[in-house]
PDB file of N, CA and C in Angstrom:
ATOM      1  N   MET A   1       0.842  -1.171  -0.005  1.00  0.00           N
ATOM      2  CA  MET A   1       0.014  -0.063  -0.016  1.00  0.00           C
ATOM      3  C   MET A   1       0.943   1.231  -0.028  1.00  0.00           C
ATOM      4  N   ASP A   2       0.554   2.212  -0.852  1.00  0.00           N
ATOM      5  CA  ASP A   2       1.461   3.407  -0.982  1.00  0.00           C
ATOM      6  C   ASP A   2       0.956   4.564  -0.196  1.00  0.00           C
ATOM      7  N   GLY A   3      -0.096   4.456   0.489  1.00  0.00           N
ATOM      8  CA  GLY A   3      -0.631   5.587   1.342  1.00  0.00           C
ATOM      9  C   GLY A   3      -1.539   6.552   0.690  1.00  0.00           C
ATOM     10  N   ARG A   4      -1.867   6.361  -0.621  1.00  0.00           N
ATOM     11  CA  ARG A   4      -2.741   7.325  -1.247  1.00  0.00           C
ATOM     12  C   ARG A   4      -4.148   7.195  -0.821  1.00  0.00           C
ATOM     13  N   LYS A   5      -4.512   6.097  -0.201  1.00  0.00           N
ATOM     14  CA  LYS A   5      -5.857   5.893   0.270  1.00  0.00           C
ATOM     15  C   LYS A   5      -6.318   6.894   1.269  1.00  0.00           C
ATOM     16  N   PHE A   6      -5.356   7.377   2.082  1.00  0.00           N
ATOM     17  CA  PHE A   6      -5.679   8.309   3.183  1.00  0.00           C
ATOM     18  C   PHE A   6      -5.256   9.713   2.926  1.00  0.00           C
ATOM     19  N   ASN A   7      -5.173  10.211   1.713  1.00  0.00           N
ATOM     20  CA  ASN A   7      -4.637  11.484   1.380  1.00  0.00           C
ATOM     21  C   ASN A   7      -5.706  12.635   1.429  1.00  0.00           C
ATOM     22  N   GLY A   8      -6.959  12.286   1.815  1.00  0.00           N
ATOM     23  CA  GLY A   8      -7.933  13.347   1.991  1.00  0.00           C
ATOM     24  C   GLY A   8      -8.884  13.391   0.829  1.00  0.00           C
ATOM     25  N   GLY A   9      -8.438  13.025  -0.382  1.00  0.00           N
ATOM     26  CA  GLY A   9      -9.336  13.112  -1.555  1.00  0.00           C
ATOM     27  C   GLY A   9      -9.727  14.505  -1.943  1.00  0.00           C
ATOM     28  N   HIS A  10     -10.689  14.696  -2.664  1.00  0.00           N
ATOM     29  CA  HIS A  10     -11.097  15.943  -3.254  1.00  0.00           C
ATOM     30  C   HIS A  10     -12.136  16.619  -2.328  1.00  0.00           C
ATOM     31  N   SER A  11     -12.164  17.893  -2.297  1.00  0.00           N
ATOM     32  CA  SER A  11     -12.939  18.668  -1.332  1.00  0.00           C
ATOM     33  C   SER A  11     -14.492  18.575  -1.905  1.00  0.00           C
ATOM     34  N   THR A  12     -14.660  18.249  -3.126  1.00  0.00           N
ATOM     35  CA  THR A  12     -16.036  18.303  -3.681  1.00  0.00           C
ATOM     36  C   THR A  12     -16.813  17.034  -3.323  1.00  0.00           C
ATOM     37  N   LYS A  13     -16.161  15.927  -2.993  1.00  0.00           N
ATOM     38  CA  LYS A  13     -16.649  14.693  -2.624  1.00  0.00           C
ATOM     39  C   LYS A  13     -17.686  14.135  -3.507  1.00  0.00           C
ATOM     40  N   GLY A  14     -17.360  14.212  -4.838  1.00  0.00           N
ATOM     41  CA  GLY A  14     -18.154  13.640  -5.849  1.00  0.00           C
ATOM     42  C   GLY A  14     -19.280  14.510  -6.357  1.00  0.00           C
ATOM     43  N   TYR A  15     -19.314  15.753  -6.008  1.00  0.00           N
ATOM     44  CA  TYR A  15     -20.366  16.611  -6.480  1.00  0.00           C
ATOM     45  C   TYR A  15     -19.867  17.560  -7.583  1.00  0.00           C
ATOM     46  N   ALA A  16     -18.627  17.321  -8.040  1.00  0.00           N
ATOM     47  CA  ALA A  16     -18.100  18.235  -9.152  1.00  0.00           C
ATOM     48  C   ALA A  16     -18.518  17.753 -10.481  1.00  0.00           C
ATOM     49  N   GLY A  17     -18.439  18.735 -11.481  1.00  0.00           N
ATOM     50  CA  GLY A  17     -18.650  18.293 -12.808  1.00  0.00           C
ATOM     51  C   GLY A  17     -20.097  18.331 -13.189  1.00  0.00           C
ATOM     52  N   ARG A  18     -20.375  17.782 -14.330  1.00  0.00           N
ATOM     53  CA  ARG A  18     -21.715  17.780 -14.930  1.00  0.00           C
ATOM     54  C   ARG A  18     -22.622  16.756 -14.199  1.00  0.00           C
ATOM     55  N   LYS A  19     -23.885  17.089 -14.115  1.00  0.00           N
ATOM     56  CA  LYS A  19     -24.872  16.169 -13.470  1.00  0.00           C
ATOM     57  C   LYS A  19     -24.947  14.953 -14.393  1.00  0.00           C
ATOM     58  N   PRO A  20     -25.357  13.865 -13.822  1.00  0.00           N
ATOM     59  CA  PRO A  20     -25.542  12.635 -14.627  1.00  0.00           C
ATOM     60  C   PRO A  20     -26.662  12.821 -15.633  1.00  0.00           C
ATOM     61  N   LYS A  21     -26.571  12.177 -16.767  1.00  0.00           N
ATOM     62  CA  LYS A  21     -27.602  12.272 -17.848  1.00  0.00           C
ATOM     63  C   LYS A  21     -28.908  11.867 -17.250  1.00  0.00           C
ATOM     64  N   ALA A  22     -29.085  10.863 -16.441  1.00  0.00           N
ATOM     65  CA  ALA A  22     -30.320  10.432 -15.929  1.00  0.00           C
ATOM     66  C   ALA A  22     -31.023  11.577 -15.165  1.00  0.00           C
ATOM     67  N   ASP A  23     -30.210  12.394 -14.360  1.00  0.00           N
ATOM     68  CA  ASP A  23     -30.817  13.483 -13.656  1.00  0.00           C
ATOM     69  C   ASP A  23     -31.293  14.533 -14.593  1.00  0.00           C
ATOM     70  N   GLU A  24     -30.565  14.870 -15.644  1.00  0.00           N
ATOM     71  CA  GLU A  24     -30.929  15.820 -16.609  1.00  0.00           C
ATOM     72  C   GLU A  24     -32.258  15.393 -17.277  1.00  0.00           C
ATOM     73  N   ASP A  25     -32.285  14.170 -17.669  1.00  0.00           N
ATOM     74  CA  ASP A  25     -33.502  13.622 -18.347  1.00  0.00           C
ATOM     75  C   ASP A  25     -34.827  13.632 -17.415  1.00  0.00           C
ATOM     76  N   ARG A  26     -34.583  13.384 -16.141  1.00  0.00           N
ATOM     77  CA  ARG A  26     -35.581  13.265 -15.158  1.00  0.00           C
ATOM     78  C   ARG A  26     -36.176  14.708 -14.896  1.00  0.00           C
ATOM     79  N   ILE A  27     -35.224  15.738 -14.869  1.00  0.00           N
ATOM     80  CA  ILE A  27     -35.658  17.078 -14.616  1.00  0.00           C
ATOM     81  C   ILE A  27     -36.381  17.587 -15.844  1.00  0.00           C
ATOM     82  N   ARG A  28     -35.924  17.213 -17.050  1.00  0.00           N
ATOM     83  CA  ARG A  28     -36.536  17.642 -18.330  1.00  0.00           C
ATOM     84  C   ARG A  28     -38.006  17.113 -18.369  1.00  0.00           C
ATOM     85  N   THR A  29     -38.082  15.775 -18.054  1.00  0.00           N
ATOM     86  CA  THR A  29     -39.419  15.170 -18.069  1.00  0.00           C
ATOM     87  C   THR A  29     -40.397  15.757 -17.135  1.00  0.00           C
ATOM     88  N   LEU A  30     -39.863  16.152 -15.910  1.00  0.00           N
ATOM     89  CA  LEU A  30     -40.727  16.806 -14.944  1.00  0.00           C
ATOM     90  C   LEU A  30     -41.179  18.121 -15.395  1.00  0.00           C
ATOM     91  N   SER A  31     -40.300  18.876 -16.109  1.00  0.00           N
ATOM     92  CA  SER A  31     -40.579  20.196 -16.523  1.00  0.00           C
ATOM     93  C   SER A  31     -41.682  20.105 -17.599  1.00  0.00           C
ATOM     94  N   ILE A  32     -41.509  19.139 -18.618  1.00  0.00           N
ATOM     95  CA  ILE A  32     -42.422  19.091 -19.750  1.00  0.00           C
ATOM     96  C   ILE A  32     -43.803  18.595 -19.104  1.00  0.00           C
ATOM     97  N   ASN A  33     -43.824  17.749 -18.169  1.00  0.00           N
ATOM     98  CA  ASN A  33     -45.076  17.247 -17.649  1.00  0.00           C
ATOM     99  C   ASN A  33     -45.833  18.379 -16.864  1.00  0.00           C
ATOM    100  N   SER A  34     -45.056  19.225 -16.143  1.00  0.00           N
ATOM    101  CA  SER A  34     -45.738  20.287 -15.496  1.00  0.00           C
ATOM    102  C   SER A  34     -46.246  21.380 -16.473  1.00  0.00           C
ATOM    103  N   LEU A  35     -45.560  21.571 -17.555  1.00  0.00           N
ATOM    104  CA  LEU A  35     -46.030  22.496 -18.590  1.00  0.00           C
ATOM    105  C   LEU A  35     -47.334  21.999 -19.185  1.00  0.00           C
ATOM    106  N   GLU A  36     -47.355  20.727 -19.446  1.00  0.00           N
ATOM    107  CA  GLU A  36     -48.494  20.138 -20.110  1.00  0.00           C
ATOM    108  C   GLU A  36     -49.691  20.003 -19.127  1.00  0.00           C
ATOM    109  N   SER A  37     -49.427  19.918 -17.834  1.00  0.00           N
ATOM    110  CA  SER A  37     -50.538  19.815 -16.859  1.00  0.00           C
ATOM    111  C   SER A  37     -51.127  21.212 -16.607  1.00  0.00           C
ATOM    112  N   ILE A  38     -50.264  22.243 -16.695  1.00  0.00           N
ATOM    113  CA  ILE A  38     -50.814  23.586 -16.381  1.00  0.00           C
ATOM    114  C   ILE A  38     -51.357  24.219 -17.654  1.00  0.00           C
ATOM    115  N   PHE A  39     -50.686  24.107 -18.828  1.00  0.00           N
ATOM    116  CA  PHE A  39     -51.148  24.847 -20.089  1.00  0.00           C
ATOM    117  C   PHE A  39     -51.779  23.940 -21.027  1.00  0.00           C
ATOM    118  N   GLY A  40     -51.704  22.652 -20.899  1.00  0.00           N
ATOM    119  CA  GLY A  40     -52.375  21.655 -21.754  1.00  0.00           C
ATOM    120  C   GLY A  40     -51.382  21.071 -22.792  1.00  0.00           C
ATOM    121  N   SER A  41     -50.349  21.869 -23.210  1.00  0.00           N
ATOM    122  CA  SER A  41     -49.272  21.379 -24.092  1.00  0.00           C
ATOM    123  C   SER A  41     -48.136  22.400 -24.032  1.00  0.00           C
ATOM    124  N   GLU A  42     -46.967  21.890 -24.655  1.00  0.00           N
ATOM    125  CA  GLU A  42     -45.801  22.808 -24.681  1.00  0.00           C
ATOM    126  C   GLU A  42     -46.080  23.990 -25.584  1.00  0.00           C
ATOM    127  N   GLU A  43     -46.784  23.727 -26.662  1.00  0.00           N
ATOM    128  CA  GLU A  43     -47.077  24.832 -27.534  1.00  0.00           C
ATOM    129  C   GLU A  43     -47.917  25.878 -26.883  1.00  0.00           C
ATOM    130  N   LYS A  44     -48.914  25.501 -26.114  1.00  0.00           N
ATOM    131  CA  LYS A  44     -49.779  26.561 -25.309  1.00  0.00           C
ATOM    132  C   LYS A  44     -48.908  27.283 -24.350  1.00  0.00           C
ATOM    133  N   ALA A  45     -47.973  26.600 -23.687  1.00  0.00           N
ATOM    134  CA  ALA A  45     -47.066  27.299 -22.820  1.00  0.00           C
ATOM    135  C   ALA A  45     -46.212  28.375 -23.432  1.00  0.00           C
ATOM    136  N   PHE A  46     -45.703  28.024 -24.643  1.00  0.00           N
ATOM    137  CA  PHE A  46     -44.924  29.017 -25.371  1.00  0.00           C
ATOM    138  C   PHE A  46     -45.908  30.117 -25.867  1.00  0.00           C
ATOM    139  N   GLU A  47     -47.113  29.859 -26.271  1.00  0.00           N
ATOM    140  CA  GLU A  47     -47.965  30.852 -26.655  1.00  0.00           C
ATOM    141  C   GLU A  47     -48.306  31.800 -25.463  1.00  0.00           C
ATOM    142  N   HIS A  48     -48.374  31.338 -24.267  1.00  0.00           N
ATOM    143  CA  HIS A  48     -48.586  32.047 -23.102  1.00  0.00           C
ATOM    144  C   HIS A  48     -47.454  32.988 -22.860  1.00  0.00           C
ATOM    145  N   ILE A  49     -46.230  32.503 -22.955  1.00  0.00           N
ATOM    146  CA  ILE A  49     -45.035  33.325 -22.810  1.00  0.00           C
ATOM    147  C   ILE A  49     -45.042  34.488 -23.907  1.00  0.00           C
ATOM    148  N   ALA A  50     -45.492  34.094 -25.182  1.00  0.00           N
ATOM    149  CA  ALA A  50     -45.489  35.039 -26.199  1.00  0.00           C
ATOM    150  C   ALA A  50     -46.500  36.211 -25.896  1.00  0.00           C
ATOM    151  N   THR A  51     -47.614  35.892 -25.383  1.00  0.00           N
ATOM    152  CA  THR A  51     -48.633  36.983 -24.999  1.00  0.00           C
ATOM    153  C   THR A  51     -48.093  37.832 -23.884  1.00  0.00           C
ATOM    154  N   LYS A  52     -47.374  37.291 -22.894  1.00  0.00           N
ATOM    155  CA  LYS A  52     -46.787  38.052 -21.895  1.00  0.00           C
ATOM    156  C   LYS A  52     -45.596  38.886 -22.473  1.00  0.00           C
ATOM    157  N   ALA A  53     -44.924  38.360 -23.492  1.00  0.00           N
ATOM    158  CA  ALA A  53     -43.784  39.045 -24.091  1.00  0.00           C
ATOM    159  C   ALA A  53     -44.172  40.472 -24.652  1.00  0.00           C
ATOM    160  N   LYS A  54     -45.436  40.652 -24.999  1.00  0.00           N
ATOM    161  CA  LYS A  54     -45.832  41.951 -25.549  1.00  0.00           C
ATOM    162  C   LYS A  54     -45.587  43.075 -24.516  1.00  0.00           C
ATOM    163  N   ASP A  55     -45.716  42.773 -23.299  1.00  0.00           N
ATOM    164  CA  ASP A  55     -45.573  43.829 -22.277  1.00  0.00           C
ATOM    165  C   ASP A  55     -44.413  43.639 -21.337  1.00  0.00           C
ATOM    166  N   SER A  56     -43.670  42.500 -21.524  1.00  0.00           N
ATOM    167  CA  SER A  56     -42.664  42.163 -20.579  1.00  0.00           C
ATOM    168  C   SER A  56     -41.352  41.795 -21.271  1.00  0.00           C
ATOM    169  N   PHE A  57     -40.309  42.627 -21.068  1.00  0.00           N
ATOM    170  CA  PHE A  57     -39.017  42.335 -21.717  1.00  0.00           C
ATOM    171  C   PHE A  57     -38.386  40.981 -21.278  1.00  0.00           C
ATOM    172  N   PRO A  58     -38.475  40.621 -20.017  1.00  0.00           N
ATOM    173  CA  PRO A  58     -37.932  39.256 -19.599  1.00  0.00           C
ATOM    174  C   PRO A  58     -38.553  38.154 -20.354  1.00  0.00           C
ATOM    175  N   HIS A  59     -39.900  38.209 -20.531  1.00  0.00           N
ATOM    176  CA  HIS A  59     -40.576  37.129 -21.216  1.00  0.00           C
ATOM    177  C   HIS A  59     -40.122  37.150 -22.779  1.00  0.00           C
ATOM    178  N   LEU A  60     -40.014  38.354 -23.263  1.00  0.00           N
ATOM    179  CA  LEU A  60     -39.503  38.519 -24.666  1.00  0.00           C
ATOM    180  C   LEU A  60     -38.127  37.912 -24.890  1.00  0.00           C
ATOM    181  N   LYS A  61     -37.281  38.201 -23.887  1.00  0.00           N
ATOM    182  CA  LYS A  61     -35.890  37.753 -23.952  1.00  0.00           C
ATOM    183  C   LYS A  61     -35.886  36.256 -23.920  1.00  0.00           C
ATOM    184  N   LEU A  62     -36.685  35.638 -22.932  1.00  0.00           N
ATOM    185  CA  LEU A  62     -36.675  34.183 -22.778  1.00  0.00           C
ATOM    186  C   LEU A  62     -37.151  33.511 -24.155  1.00  0.00           C
ATOM    187  N   LEU A  63     -38.238  34.144 -24.744  1.00  0.00           N
ATOM    188  CA  LEU A  63     -38.782  33.592 -25.933  1.00  0.00           C
ATOM    189  C   LEU A  63     -37.845  33.578 -27.100  1.00  0.00           C
ATOM    190  N   LEU A  64     -37.129  34.733 -27.233  1.00  0.00           N
ATOM    191  CA  LEU A  64     -36.210  34.869 -28.313  1.00  0.00           C
ATOM    192  C   LEU A  64     -34.931  33.925 -28.136  1.00  0.00           C
ATOM    193  N   GLU A  65     -34.542  33.699 -26.858  1.00  0.00           N
ATOM    194  CA  GLU A  65     -33.479  32.854 -26.582  1.00  0.00           C
ATOM    195  C   GLU A  65     -33.773  31.411 -26.925  1.00  0.00           C
ATOM    196  N   TYR A  66     -34.968  30.968 -26.678  1.00  0.00           N
ATOM    197  CA  TYR A  66     -35.501  29.627 -27.052  1.00  0.00           C
ATOM    198  C   TYR A  66     -35.629  29.580 -28.563  1.00  0.00           C
ATOM    199  N   ALA A  67     -36.044  30.618 -29.276  1.00  0.00           N
ATOM    200  CA  ALA A  67     -36.246  30.600 -30.663  1.00  0.00           C
ATOM    201  C   ALA A  67     -34.941  30.649 -31.538  1.00  0.00           C
ATOM    202  N   TYR A  68     -33.997  31.502 -31.076  1.00  0.00           N
ATOM    203  CA  TYR A  68     -32.846  31.765 -31.862  1.00  0.00           C
ATOM    204  C   TYR A  68     -31.492  31.363 -31.159  1.00  0.00           C
ATOM    205  N   GLY A  69     -31.599  30.938 -29.969  1.00  0.00           N
ATOM    206  CA  GLY A  69     -30.341  30.730 -29.129  1.00  0.00           C
ATOM    207  C   GLY A  69     -29.876  31.866 -28.413  1.00  0.00           C
ATOM    208  N   LYS A  70     -29.174  31.594 -27.345  1.00  0.00           N
ATOM    209  CA  LYS A  70     -28.650  32.689 -26.570  1.00  0.00           C
ATOM    210  C   LYS A  70     -27.460  33.278 -27.202  1.00  0.00           C
ATOM    211  N   PRO A  71     -27.457  34.714 -27.342  1.00  0.00           N
ATOM    212  CA  PRO A  71     -26.216  35.335 -27.935  1.00  0.00           C
ATOM    213  C   PRO A  71     -24.992  34.966 -27.217  1.00  0.00           C
ATOM    214  N   LYS A  72     -23.967  35.081 -27.994  1.00  0.00           N
ATOM    215  CA  LYS A  72     -22.617  34.903 -27.283  1.00  0.00           C
ATOM    216  C   LYS A  72     -22.307  35.996 -26.486  1.00  0.00           C
ATOM    217  N   GLU A  73     -21.719  35.684 -25.268  1.00  0.00           N
ATOM    218  CA  GLU A  73     -21.362  36.747 -24.344  1.00  0.00           C
ATOM    219  C   GLU A  73     -19.951  37.129 -24.623  1.00  0.00           C
ATOM    220  N   SER A  74     -19.689  38.445 -24.615  1.00  0.00           N
ATOM    221  CA  SER A  74     -18.311  38.891 -24.865  1.00  0.00           C
ATOM    222  C   SER A  74     -17.963  39.762 -23.619  1.00  0.00           C
ATOM    223  N   VAL A  75     -16.692  39.636 -23.282  1.00  0.00           N
ATOM    224  CA  VAL A  75     -16.125  40.457 -22.138  1.00  0.00           C
ATOM    225  C   VAL A  75     -15.022  41.336 -22.671  1.00  0.00           C
ATOM    226  N   GLU A  76     -15.103  42.688 -22.421  1.00  0.00           N
ATOM    227  CA  GLU A  76     -14.183  43.547 -22.832  1.00  0.00           C
ATOM    228  C   GLU A  76     -13.187  43.677 -21.747  1.00  0.00           C
ATOM    229  N   LEU A  77     -11.936  43.537 -21.999  1.00  0.00           N
ATOM    230  CA  LEU A  77     -10.956  43.719 -20.934  1.00  0.00           C
ATOM    231  C   LEU A  77     -10.111  44.972 -21.190  1.00  0.00           C
ATOM    232  N   GLU A  78      -9.983  45.615 -20.088  1.00  0.00           N
ATOM    233  CA  GLU A  78      -9.165  46.891 -20.145  1.00  0.00           C
ATOM    234  C   GLU A  78      -7.768  46.553 -19.840  1.00  0.00           C
ATOM    235  N   THR A  79      -6.855  46.816 -20.799  1.00  0.00           N
ATOM    236  CA  THR A  79      -5.452  46.511 -20.412  1.00  0.00           C
ATOM    237  C   THR A  79      -4.880  47.697 -19.718  1.00  0.00           C
ATOM    238  N   PRO A  80      -4.208  47.402 -18.579  1.00  0.00           N
ATOM    239  CA  PRO A  80      -3.663  48.631 -17.841  1.00  0.00           C
ATOM    240  C   PRO A  80      -2.483  49.259 -18.626  1.00  0.00           C
ATOM    241  N   ILE A  81      -2.300  50.430 -18.313  1.00  0.00           N
ATOM    242  CA  ILE A  81      -1.124  51.134 -18.902  1.00  0.00           C
ATOM    243  C   ILE A  81       0.121  50.592 -18.170  1.00  0.00           C
ATOM    244  N   GLU A  82       1.102  50.270 -19.062  1.00  0.00           N
ATOM    245  CA  GLU A  82       2.391  49.717 -18.474  1.00  0.00           C
ATOM    246  C   GLU A  82       3.084  50.827 -17.833  1.00  0.00           C
ATOM    247  N   GLN A  83       3.493  50.597 -16.547  1.00  0.00           N
ATOM    248  CA  GLN A  83       4.360  51.494 -15.903  1.00  0.00           C
ATOM    249  C   GLN A  83       5.781  50.933 -15.803  1.00  0.00           C
ATOM    250  N   PRO A  84       6.704  51.755 -15.869  1.00  0.00           N
ATOM    251  CA  PRO A  84       8.141  51.200 -15.766  1.00  0.00           C
ATOM    252  C   PRO A  84       8.368  50.816 -14.284  1.00  0.00           C
ATOM    253  N   LEU A  85       9.121  49.645 -14.139  1.00  0.00           N
ATOM    254  CA  LEU A  85       9.485  49.285 -12.776  1.00  0.00           C
ATOM    255  C   LEU A  85      10.427  50.166 -12.120  1.00  0.00           C
ATOM    256  N   PHE A  86      11.395  50.570 -12.957  1.00  0.00           N
ATOM    257  CA  PHE A  86      12.437  51.523 -12.402  1.00  0.00           C
ATOM    258  C   PHE A  86      12.302  52.806 -13.252  1.00  0.00           C
ATOM    259  N   THR A  87      12.208  53.860 -12.586  1.00  0.00           N
ATOM    260  CA  THR A  87      12.074  55.222 -13.200  1.00  0.00           C
ATOM    261  C   THR A  87      13.538  55.816 -13.379  1.00  0.00           C
ATOM    262  N   ASP A  88      13.625  56.810 -14.184  1.00  0.00           N
ATOM    263  CA  ASP A  88      14.797  57.473 -14.302  1.00  0.00           C
ATOM    264  C   ASP A  88      15.144  58.500 -13.179  1.00  0.00           C
ATOM    265  N   THR A  89      14.102  58.837 -12.459  1.00  0.00           N
ATOM    266  CA  THR A  89      14.297  59.798 -11.272  1.00  0.00           C
ATOM    267  C   THR A  89      14.886  59.042 -10.199  1.00  0.00           C
ATOM    268  N   PRO A  90      15.843  59.606  -9.453  1.00  0.00           N
ATOM    269  CA  PRO A  90      16.497  58.976  -8.333  1.00  0.00           C
ATOM    270  C   PRO A  90      15.515  58.857  -7.156  1.00  0.00           C
ATOM    271  N   PHE A  91      15.791  57.817  -6.246  1.00  0.00           N
ATOM    272  CA  PHE A  91      14.941  57.691  -5.103  1.00  0.00           C
ATOM    273  C   PHE A  91      15.281  58.835  -4.133  1.00  0.00           C
ATOM    274  N   PRO A  92      14.253  59.401  -3.549  1.00  0.00           N
ATOM    275  CA  PRO A  92      14.487  60.533  -2.563  1.00  0.00           C
ATOM    276  C   PRO A  92      15.042  60.047  -1.273  1.00  0.00           C
ATOM    277  N   LEU A  93      16.390  59.906  -1.271  1.00  0.00           N
ATOM    278  CA  LEU A  93      17.135  59.468  -0.025  1.00  0.00           C
ATOM    279  C   LEU A  93      16.927  60.362   1.147  1.00  0.00           C
ATOM    280  N   GLU A  94      16.577  61.663   0.897  1.00  0.00           N
ATOM    281  CA  GLU A  94      16.470  62.619   2.066  1.00  0.00           C
ATOM    282  C   GLU A  94      15.251  62.232   2.830  1.00  0.00           C
ATOM    283  N   ARG A  95      14.330  61.415   2.288  1.00  0.00           N
ATOM    284  CA  ARG A  95      13.164  61.033   3.095  1.00  0.00           C
ATOM    285  C   ARG A  95      13.392  60.018   4.145  1.00  0.00           C
ATOM    286  N   LEU A  96      14.554  59.277   3.939  1.00  0.00           N
ATOM    287  CA  LEU A  96      14.925  58.137   4.833  1.00  0.00           C
ATOM    288  C   LEU A  96      15.603  58.783   6.060  1.00  0.00           C
ATOM    289  N   SER A  97      15.372  58.019   7.226  1.00  0.00           N
ATOM    290  CA  SER A  97      16.132  58.433   8.452  1.00  0.00           C
ATOM    291  C   SER A  97      17.530  57.947   8.338  1.00  0.00           C
ATOM    292  N   SER A  98      18.386  58.549   9.209  1.00  0.00           N
ATOM    293  CA  SER A  98      19.771  58.280   9.171  1.00  0.00           C
ATOM    294  C   SER A  98      20.076  56.821   9.605  1.00  0.00           C
ATOM    295  N   GLU A  99      19.146  56.231  10.420  1.00  0.00           N
ATOM    296  CA  GLU A  99      19.254  54.863  10.884  1.00  0.00           C
ATOM    297  C   GLU A  99      19.045  53.938   9.648  1.00  0.00           C
ATOM    298  N   THR A 100      17.982  54.266   8.930  1.00  0.00           N
ATOM    299  CA  THR A 100      17.715  53.442   7.701  1.00  0.00           C
ATOM    300  C   THR A 100      18.836  53.526   6.700  1.00  0.00           C
ATOM    301  N   LEU A 101      19.443  54.769   6.456  1.00  0.00           N
ATOM    302  CA  LEU A 101      20.481  54.838   5.625  1.00  0.00           C
ATOM    303  C   LEU A 101      21.735  54.105   5.964  1.00  0.00           C
ATOM    304  N   THR A 102      21.964  54.185   7.253  1.00  0.00           N
ATOM    305  CA  THR A 102      23.132  53.327   7.867  1.00  0.00           C
ATOM    306  C   THR A 102      22.897  51.815   7.575  1.00  0.00           C
ATOM    307  N   GLU A 103      21.692  51.408   7.840  1.00  0.00           N
ATOM    308  CA  GLU A 103      21.383  49.935   7.636  1.00  0.00           C
ATOM    309  C   GLU A 103      21.533  49.585   6.183  1.00  0.00           C
ATOM    310  N   LEU A 104      20.931  50.464   5.307  1.00  0.00           N
ATOM    311  CA  LEU A 104      21.161  50.116   3.890  1.00  0.00           C
ATOM    312  C   LEU A 104      22.615  50.020   3.391  1.00  0.00           C
ATOM    313  N   ILE A 105      23.419  50.937   4.010  1.00  0.00           N
ATOM    314  CA  ILE A 105      24.891  50.887   3.605  1.00  0.00           C
ATOM    315  C   ILE A 105      25.562  49.645   4.083  1.00  0.00           C
ATOM    316  N   SER A 106      25.111  49.259   5.345  1.00  0.00           N
ATOM    317  CA  SER A 106      25.745  47.929   5.792  1.00  0.00           C
ATOM    318  C   SER A 106      25.263  46.715   5.018  1.00  0.00           C
ATOM    319  N   VAL A 107      23.941  46.682   4.554  1.00  0.00           N
ATOM    320  CA  VAL A 107      23.561  45.599   3.792  1.00  0.00           C
ATOM    321  C   VAL A 107      24.295  45.578   2.446  1.00  0.00           C
ATOM    322  N   TYR A 108      24.497  46.726   1.800  1.00  0.00           N
ATOM    323  CA  TYR A 108      25.309  46.742   0.521  1.00  0.00           C
ATOM    324  C   TYR A 108      26.656  46.239   0.825  1.00  0.00           C
ATOM    325  N   LYS A 109      27.334  46.610   1.866  1.00  0.00           N
ATOM    326  CA  LYS A 109      28.719  46.106   2.200  1.00  0.00           C
ATOM    327  C   LYS A 109      28.722  44.557   2.435  1.00  0.00           C
ATOM    328  N   GLU A 110      27.635  44.045   3.141  1.00  0.00           N
ATOM    329  CA  GLU A 110      27.618  42.613   3.352  1.00  0.00           C
ATOM    330  C   GLU A 110      27.434  41.781   2.050  1.00  0.00           C
ATOM    331  N   MET A 111      26.762  42.489   1.061  1.00  0.00           N
ATOM    332  CA  MET A 111      26.562  41.825  -0.259  1.00  0.00           C
ATOM    333  C   MET A 111      27.799  41.979  -1.205  1.00  0.00           C
ATOM    334  N   GLY A 112      28.692  42.780  -0.752  1.00  0.00           N
ATOM    335  CA  GLY A 112      29.905  43.093  -1.560  1.00  0.00           C
ATOM    336  C   GLY A 112      29.626  44.083  -2.733  1.00  0.00           C
ATOM    337  N   ILE A 113      28.690  44.891  -2.636  1.00  0.00           N
ATOM    338  CA  ILE A 113      28.300  45.794  -3.753  1.00  0.00           C
ATOM    339  C   ILE A 113      28.604  47.225  -3.178  1.00  0.00           C
ATOM    340  N   ASP A 114      29.196  47.962  -4.120  1.00  0.00           N
ATOM    341  CA  ASP A 114      29.480  49.420  -3.799  1.00  0.00           C
ATOM    342  C   ASP A 114      28.153  50.062  -3.600  1.00  0.00           C
ATOM    343  N   SER A 115      27.942  50.737  -2.461  1.00  0.00           N
ATOM    344  CA  SER A 115      26.781  51.466  -2.171  1.00  0.00           C
ATOM    345  C   SER A 115      26.539  52.649  -2.983  1.00  0.00           C
ATOM    346  N   PRO A 116      25.310  52.703  -3.515  1.00  0.00           N
ATOM    347  CA  PRO A 116      24.962  53.941  -4.280  1.00  0.00           C
ATOM    348  C   PRO A 116      24.760  55.129  -3.422  1.00  0.00           C
ATOM    349  N   ILE A 117      24.564  54.780  -2.030  1.00  0.00           N
ATOM    350  CA  ILE A 117      24.249  55.825  -1.009  1.00  0.00           C
ATOM    351  C   ILE A 117      25.575  56.427  -0.561  1.00  0.00           C
ATOM    352  N   LYS A 118      25.751  57.688  -0.699  1.00  0.00           N
ATOM    353  CA  LYS A 118      26.993  58.261  -0.185  1.00  0.00           C
ATOM    354  C   LYS A 118      26.753  59.153   1.054  1.00  0.00           C
TER     355      LYS A 118
END
């Protein structure tokens, strides 16, 4: 045994991914049966939606999506303006305290680099 049995598994515990085809078919059958029991047929249900669509945009949208398919969704991404990582302007060393400057100089010395701080 290599120990993989006790590694915890997936956090979704079998609920990830697409629903089984049997579940989809069962839900579709229930939907069609409820439409037929309330409106008499699927056609009458769509006719009811069409009459509501005259005064209601959501009904119109639903009807058009069933008739012609849902339009492709597009996402416009704004690309940020690139900023240079290092600018040509020098760092304002006068803003640093004398302790910070001393510490920076010692770090440069430890690294064996000539300190740009004078």
